[in-house]
């Protein structure tokens, strides 16, 4: 049991608290840092879990990246991919649909592709989600090389 950020050995208490609060293994210092991020930016816990899962497979994601218009839950700049975690996707209103289109438009204008992932997909199917994101990245890399 070591911190995913600094490789510091975790006590049982730190491990348990981190897993209970964030779902990933972090030391107290990094737990506090991420809990402040969650509080400040309303970052979904699933975004943190996906972020560390992507790091684990060699991707270099950025958590809560500012794109000049808004904060993106996870950005992978190498392939110009923005990932938003949809924490509340029950019934979409026309206002939310317009907002989503406007956000996608701003991303496209900056050369980025935006995907929205329901939080339940990360909660219950994290490995498959990571595998599919890697596939999307592969496709985006191929398109970047062609252009």
C-alpha atoms as a PDB file:
ATOM      1  CA  UNK A   1       0.000   0.000   0.000  1.00  0.00           C
ATOM      2  CA  UNK A   2       1.708   3.105  -1.303  1.00  0.00           C
ATOM      3  CA  UNK A   3       0.528   6.545  -2.372  1.00  0.00           C
ATOM      4  CA  UNK A   4      -0.149   6.717  -6.105  1.00  0.00           C
ATOM      5  CA  UNK A   5       1.434  10.189  -6.224  1.00  0.00           C
ATOM      6  CA  UNK A   6       4.555   9.984  -4.076  1.00  0.00           C
ATOM      7  CA  UNK A   7       4.993   6.222  -3.435  1.00  0.00           C
ATOM      8  CA  UNK A   8       5.022   6.853   0.313  1.00  0.00           C
ATOM      9  CA  UNK A   9       4.051   3.775   2.344  1.00  0.00           C
ATOM     10  CA  UNK A  10       0.542   4.210   3.701  1.00  0.00           C
ATOM     11  CA  UNK A  11      -0.619   3.396   7.186  1.00  0.00           C
ATOM     12  CA  UNK A  12      -3.754   1.306   7.444  1.00  0.00           C
ATOM     13  CA  UNK A  13      -5.710   4.399   8.546  1.00  0.00           C
ATOM     14  CA  UNK A  14      -4.491   6.511   5.590  1.00  0.00           C
ATOM     15  CA  UNK A  15      -5.228   3.657   3.201  1.00  0.00           C
ATOM     16  CA  UNK A  16      -8.716   3.099   4.594  1.00  0.00           C
ATOM     17  CA  UNK A  17      -9.592   6.829   4.643  1.00  0.00           C
ATOM     18  CA  UNK A  18      -8.338   7.349   1.117  1.00  0.00           C
ATOM     19  CA  UNK A  19     -10.218   4.341  -0.255  1.00  0.00           C
ATOM     20  CA  UNK A  20     -13.403   5.333   1.582  1.00  0.00           C
ATOM     21  CA  UNK A  21     -13.272   8.988   0.504  1.00  0.00           C
ATOM     22  CA  UNK A  22     -11.696   8.869  -2.967  1.00  0.00           C
ATOM     23  CA  UNK A  23     -11.487   5.241  -4.039  1.00  0.00           C
ATOM     24  CA  UNK A  24      -7.723   5.429  -4.649  1.00  0.00           C
ATOM     25  CA  UNK A  25      -4.643   4.953  -2.446  1.00  0.00           C
ATOM     26  CA  UNK A  26      -3.181   8.304  -1.413  1.00  0.00           C
ATOM     27  CA  UNK A  27      -1.191   9.593   1.544  1.00  0.00           C
ATOM     28  CA  UNK A  28      -2.802  12.146   3.852  1.00  0.00           C
ATOM     29  CA  UNK A  29      -1.133  15.076   2.055  1.00  0.00           C
ATOM     30  CA  UNK A  30      -2.418  14.044  -1.378  1.00  0.00           C
ATOM     31  CA  UNK A  31      -5.833  13.099   0.029  1.00  0.00           C
ATOM     32  CA  UNK A  32      -6.172  16.597   1.465  1.00  0.00           C
ATOM     33  CA  UNK A  33      -5.089  18.160  -1.839  1.00  0.00           C
ATOM     34  CA  UNK A  34      -7.649  16.187  -3.842  1.00  0.00           C
ATOM     35  CA  UNK A  35     -10.429  16.676  -1.314  1.00  0.00           C
ATOM     36  CA  UNK A  36      -9.864  20.440  -1.629  1.00  0.00           C
ATOM     37  CA  UNK A  37     -10.059  20.081  -5.423  1.00  0.00           C
ATOM     38  CA  UNK A  38     -13.335  18.161  -5.077  1.00  0.00           C
ATOM     39  CA  UNK A  39     -14.711  20.861  -2.797  1.00  0.00           C
ATOM     40  CA  UNK A  40     -13.519  23.782  -4.950  1.00  0.00           C
ATOM     41  CA  UNK A  41     -14.364  22.464  -8.433  1.00  0.00           C
ATOM     42  CA  UNK A  42     -17.076  19.941  -7.606  1.00  0.00           C
ATOM     43  CA  UNK A  43     -14.841  17.275  -9.137  1.00  0.00           C
ATOM     44  CA  UNK A  44     -16.590  13.903  -9.343  1.00  0.00           C
ATOM     45  CA  UNK A  45     -14.872  11.167  -7.319  1.00  0.00           C
ATOM     46  CA  UNK A  46     -15.116   9.001 -10.448  1.00  0.00           C
ATOM     47  CA  UNK A  47     -12.949  11.541 -12.314  1.00  0.00           C
ATOM     48  CA  UNK A  48     -10.206  10.987  -9.733  1.00  0.00           C
ATOM     49  CA  UNK A  49     -10.525   7.220 -10.058  1.00  0.00           C
ATOM     50  CA  UNK A  50     -10.384   7.404 -13.871  1.00  0.00           C
ATOM     51  CA  UNK A  51      -7.444   9.821 -13.714  1.00  0.00           C
ATOM     52  CA  UNK A  52      -5.343   7.393 -11.662  1.00  0.00           C
ATOM     53  CA  UNK A  53      -6.428   4.403 -13.759  1.00  0.00           C
ATOM     54  CA  UNK A  54      -5.284   6.214 -16.908  1.00  0.00           C
ATOM     55  CA  UNK A  55      -1.972   7.101 -15.247  1.00  0.00           C
ATOM     56  CA  UNK A  56      -1.544   3.437 -14.299  1.00  0.00           C
ATOM     57  CA  UNK A  57      -1.669   2.392 -17.982  1.00  0.00           C
ATOM     58  CA  UNK A  58       0.848   5.050 -19.057  1.00  0.00           C
ATOM     59  CA  UNK A  59      -1.420   7.909 -20.121  1.00  0.00           C
ATOM     60  CA  UNK A  60      -0.459  11.410 -18.991  1.00  0.00           C
ATOM     61  CA  UNK A  61      -3.855  12.941 -18.102  1.00  0.00           C
ATOM     62  CA  UNK A  62      -4.526  16.287 -16.465  1.00  0.00           C
ATOM     63  CA  UNK A  63      -7.166  16.575 -13.760  1.00  0.00           C
ATOM     64  CA  UNK A  64      -9.381  19.695 -13.720  1.00  0.00           C
ATOM     65  CA  UNK A  65      -7.696  21.365 -16.683  1.00  0.00           C
ATOM     66  CA  UNK A  66      -8.796  24.906 -17.567  1.00  0.00           C
ATOM     67  CA  UNK A  67      -9.475  25.153 -21.319  1.00  0.00           C
ATOM     68  CA  UNK A  68      -9.975  28.923 -21.334  1.00  0.00           C
ATOM     69  CA  UNK A  69     -13.723  28.561 -21.029  1.00  0.00           C
ATOM     70  CA  UNK A  70     -14.310  26.038 -18.232  1.00  0.00           C
ATOM     71  CA  UNK A  71     -12.651  23.305 -16.195  1.00  0.00           C
ATOM     72  CA  UNK A  72     -12.444  19.919 -17.914  1.00  0.00           C
ATOM     73  CA  UNK A  73     -12.611  16.902 -15.566  1.00  0.00           C
ATOM     74  CA  UNK A  74      -9.788  15.095 -17.407  1.00  0.00           C
ATOM     75  CA  UNK A  75      -7.793  16.321 -20.395  1.00  0.00           C
ATOM     76  CA  UNK A  76      -5.316  14.333 -22.456  1.00  0.00           C
ATOM     77  CA  UNK A  77      -3.569  17.067 -24.406  1.00  0.00           C
ATOM     78  CA  UNK A  78      -1.317  14.769 -26.458  1.00  0.00           C
ATOM     79  CA  UNK A  79      -4.353  13.606 -28.472  1.00  0.00           C
ATOM     80  CA  UNK A  80      -6.570  16.642 -27.765  1.00  0.00           C
ATOM     81  CA  UNK A  81      -9.165  14.698 -25.804  1.00  0.00           C
ATOM     82  CA  UNK A  82     -11.380  16.177 -23.095  1.00  0.00           C
ATOM     83  CA  UNK A  83     -13.301  13.841 -20.801  1.00  0.00           C
ATOM     84  CA  UNK A  84     -16.253  15.037 -18.765  1.00  0.00           C
ATOM     85  CA  UNK A  85     -17.708  12.790 -16.101  1.00  0.00           C
ATOM     86  CA  UNK A  86     -21.467  13.041 -16.167  1.00  0.00           C
ATOM     87  CA  UNK A  87     -22.435  12.746 -12.509  1.00  0.00           C
ATOM     88  CA  UNK A  88     -26.149  13.447 -13.018  1.00  0.00           C
ATOM     89  CA  UNK A  89     -27.475  12.140 -16.297  1.00  0.00           C
ATOM     90  CA  UNK A  90     -31.013  11.214 -15.265  1.00  0.00           C
ATOM     91  CA  UNK A  91     -33.103  13.277 -17.669  1.00  0.00           C
ATOM     92  CA  UNK A  92     -31.477  15.923 -19.830  1.00  0.00           C
ATOM     93  CA  UNK A  93     -33.273  19.230 -20.247  1.00  0.00           C
ATOM     94  CA  UNK A  94     -33.072  21.322 -23.383  1.00  0.00           C
ATOM     95  CA  UNK A  95     -30.999  23.902 -21.466  1.00  0.00           C
ATOM     96  CA  UNK A  96     -28.434  21.243 -20.513  1.00  0.00           C
ATOM     97  CA  UNK A  97     -28.399  19.915 -24.078  1.00  0.00           C
ATOM     98  CA  UNK A  98     -27.672  23.422 -25.429  1.00  0.00           C
ATOM     99  CA  UNK A  99     -24.938  23.921 -22.799  1.00  0.00           C
ATOM    100  CA  UNK A 100     -23.382  20.577 -23.762  1.00  0.00           C
ATOM    101  CA  UNK A 101     -23.415  21.562 -27.453  1.00  0.00           C
ATOM    102  CA  UNK A 102     -21.832  24.938 -26.674  1.00  0.00           C
ATOM    103  CA  UNK A 103     -19.107  23.263 -24.612  1.00  0.00           C
ATOM    104  CA  UNK A 104     -18.450  20.795 -27.443  1.00  0.00           C
ATOM    105  CA  UNK A 105     -18.321  23.696 -29.917  1.00  0.00           C
ATOM    106  CA  UNK A 106     -15.683  25.516 -27.844  1.00  0.00           C
ATOM    107  CA  UNK A 107     -13.651  22.314 -27.611  1.00  0.00           C
ATOM    108  CA  UNK A 108     -13.858  21.669 -31.354  1.00  0.00           C
ATOM    109  CA  UNK A 109     -12.863  25.264 -32.108  1.00  0.00           C
ATOM    110  CA  UNK A 110      -9.725  24.617 -30.079  1.00  0.00           C
ATOM    111  CA  UNK A 111      -9.115  21.303 -31.864  1.00  0.00           C
ATOM    112  CA  UNK A 112     -10.252  19.097 -28.971  1.00  0.00           C
ATOM    113  CA  UNK A 113     -12.700  16.208 -28.932  1.00  0.00           C
ATOM    114  CA  UNK A 114     -14.950  16.006 -25.870  1.00  0.00           C
ATOM    115  CA  UNK A 115     -16.543  12.815 -24.609  1.00  0.00           C
ATOM    116  CA  UNK A 116     -18.984  12.498 -21.731  1.00  0.00           C
ATOM    117  CA  UNK A 117     -18.824   9.382 -19.582  1.00  0.00           C
ATOM    118  CA  UNK A 118     -21.592   8.515 -17.089  1.00  0.00           C
ATOM    119  CA  UNK A 119     -20.168   8.165 -13.575  1.00  0.00           C
ATOM    120  CA  UNK A 120     -21.758   4.714 -13.190  1.00  0.00           C
ATOM    121  CA  UNK A 121     -19.632   3.418 -16.055  1.00  0.00           C
ATOM    122  CA  UNK A 122     -16.487   4.311 -14.110  1.00  0.00           C
ATOM    123  CA  UNK A 123     -17.913   3.070 -10.830  1.00  0.00           C
ATOM    124  CA  UNK A 124     -18.855  -0.373 -12.157  1.00  0.00           C
ATOM    125  CA  UNK A 125     -16.821  -0.858 -15.363  1.00  0.00           C
ATOM    126  CA  UNK A 126     -13.561   1.024 -14.845  1.00  0.00           C
ATOM    127  CA  UNK A 127     -11.251  -1.371 -16.738  1.00  0.00           C
ATOM    128  CA  UNK A 128     -13.526  -1.469 -19.787  1.00  0.00           C
ATOM    129  CA  UNK A 129     -13.833   2.316 -19.704  1.00  0.00           C
ATOM    130  CA  UNK A 130     -10.050   2.734 -19.639  1.00  0.00           C
ATOM    131  CA  UNK A 131      -9.681   0.226 -22.485  1.00  0.00           C
ATOM    132  CA  UNK A 132     -12.190   2.153 -24.597  1.00  0.00           C
ATOM    133  CA  UNK A 133     -10.510   5.492 -23.859  1.00  0.00           C
ATOM    134  CA  UNK A 134      -7.212   3.976 -25.003  1.00  0.00           C
ATOM    135  CA  UNK A 135      -8.974   2.968 -28.239  1.00  0.00           C
ATOM    136  CA  UNK A 136     -10.319   6.489 -28.695  1.00  0.00           C
ATOM    137  CA  UNK A 137      -6.828   7.872 -28.106  1.00  0.00           C
ATOM    138  CA  UNK A 138      -5.413   5.493 -30.712  1.00  0.00           C
ATOM    139  CA  UNK A 139      -7.971   6.733 -33.251  1.00  0.00           C
ATOM    140  CA  UNK A 140      -7.258  10.369 -32.426  1.00  0.00           C
ATOM    141  CA  UNK A 141      -3.486   9.789 -32.777  1.00  0.00           C
ATOM    142  CA  UNK A 142      -4.044   8.295 -36.243  1.00  0.00           C
ATOM    143  CA  UNK A 143      -6.142  11.295 -37.271  1.00  0.00           C
ATOM    144  CA  UNK A 144      -3.563  13.767 -35.936  1.00  0.00           C
ATOM    145  CA  UNK A 145      -0.820  12.055 -38.002  1.00  0.00           C
ATOM    146  CA  UNK A 146      -2.970  12.219 -41.162  1.00  0.00           C
ATOM    147  CA  UNK A 147      -3.568  15.965 -40.832  1.00  0.00           C
END
